[in-house]
Amino acid sequence: MESGSTRQPTNEGEIAWYENINDPEYMKDHPELESLMPFIPAYQGWVERSSYVRSETPASSRRGSNVSSSHKLGDMVPTYGKDGQIVGYKPNGADKYTKSIIISNRTHGLRDVTVADFKLGTRLYGPLAFPEKRARQDATTAQCTSGSKGVLYAGGTTWLPSRKCHVISDDRFSRTLNDDTLANAAACVFPSIRDLALPSEYDVAQEDEQPDLDLEECREKEQDMLNRTRTALQLLPNLSEAIQTTGLDYPGTSALIIHGKLVEDGTPKVRLAFVDFAHTHQHDEDMSPDGVLFGIESTMGIFREQEAVLERSLAALDDGRKPWNA
């Protein structure tokens, strides 16, 4: 279980966004934002990063996951090509920010947690971006599923039921995905009990490492994962509707899919968070569409594909076929 709050390096624009939506007077004038609030982490203020920078681990603190990172602040971090191989290094992006917001950790109170980050949109910058940045980011999105599908699976941490362990999906895996393989990301979010290894793993389980589960346990776990997939498919349209109601543009935002079991009683829980508002702005007809709604629809598409996978697996289990023998 993670702590109740997390710090996220950011710019003045995102701080202003959180300050505004937590101001009762501002919200009186902007009631259209109310429908979005259930998806936004609770805001607890901001701090200067210099007050804690020595102890922060950026990769884990940004998403509230329990993934550790070997890259300290100030390090160069790798960039990956489409084949998942390192093609160069760049400065740690978090270093450009001097402040961090403190927001609620949406994994708090859960165990056996899966956290998946889906970067939304075909445009990732706001109206204040310089032409050079626009050109650079347009070129980047054109080379990945952001440009073609409006969404990039930015990685995450998966609890793998068949092995009872966490598996990490990183930039290396994300950059290998294309239109034909994007559905592999859904398998990393809602894995089947049949999955002894995820598509994102580079060191997979040995073939003889079969889970010690009986047929009924397999069926129970598969039905649970199917239910979680369906819950996510119910939540995402609600987020789309809320976004449309606001009339704003949300380039560079992310949808976080979080699921696990409540610590108190083990009840399965699925949460959807909408985060990363550094470039949120009033709709501008002179700018290209942000593509966020398109990205949510694409995400739902791959989740529907995984729903079908889980349904077929469950049908096989109902026929008495154990996963590793079917």
Foldseek 3Di string as FASTA:
>chain_A
DFDFKFKAFADPQVLVVLVQVPDVVSCVVQVLLVLQVQQAFRWDFKDFCVVPQVPDQHVCRNQVDPDGDPDHQQDWDFAAALQLDTDGTHHDPSNVGGMITMTTRPCPQFPLKKKWKKWFFLAAAAPVDDPVVRVVVNVVSVLAVCNVQRIFGAWIWHQQVFVRDIDTAHNSNRSNDHPVRPLLVLCRRLPQNLPQDGPRDPDGDDLPPGGPDDLVRNLVSLVLSLVLLVVVLVVLVSNLVSVVSSQKAARRKIKMWMWGAGPPPGHIDIGIHIDDRNRIDHDDPVDDHGRRSSNSVSVSVSSVVVSVVSVVVSVVSVVVDDSSRD
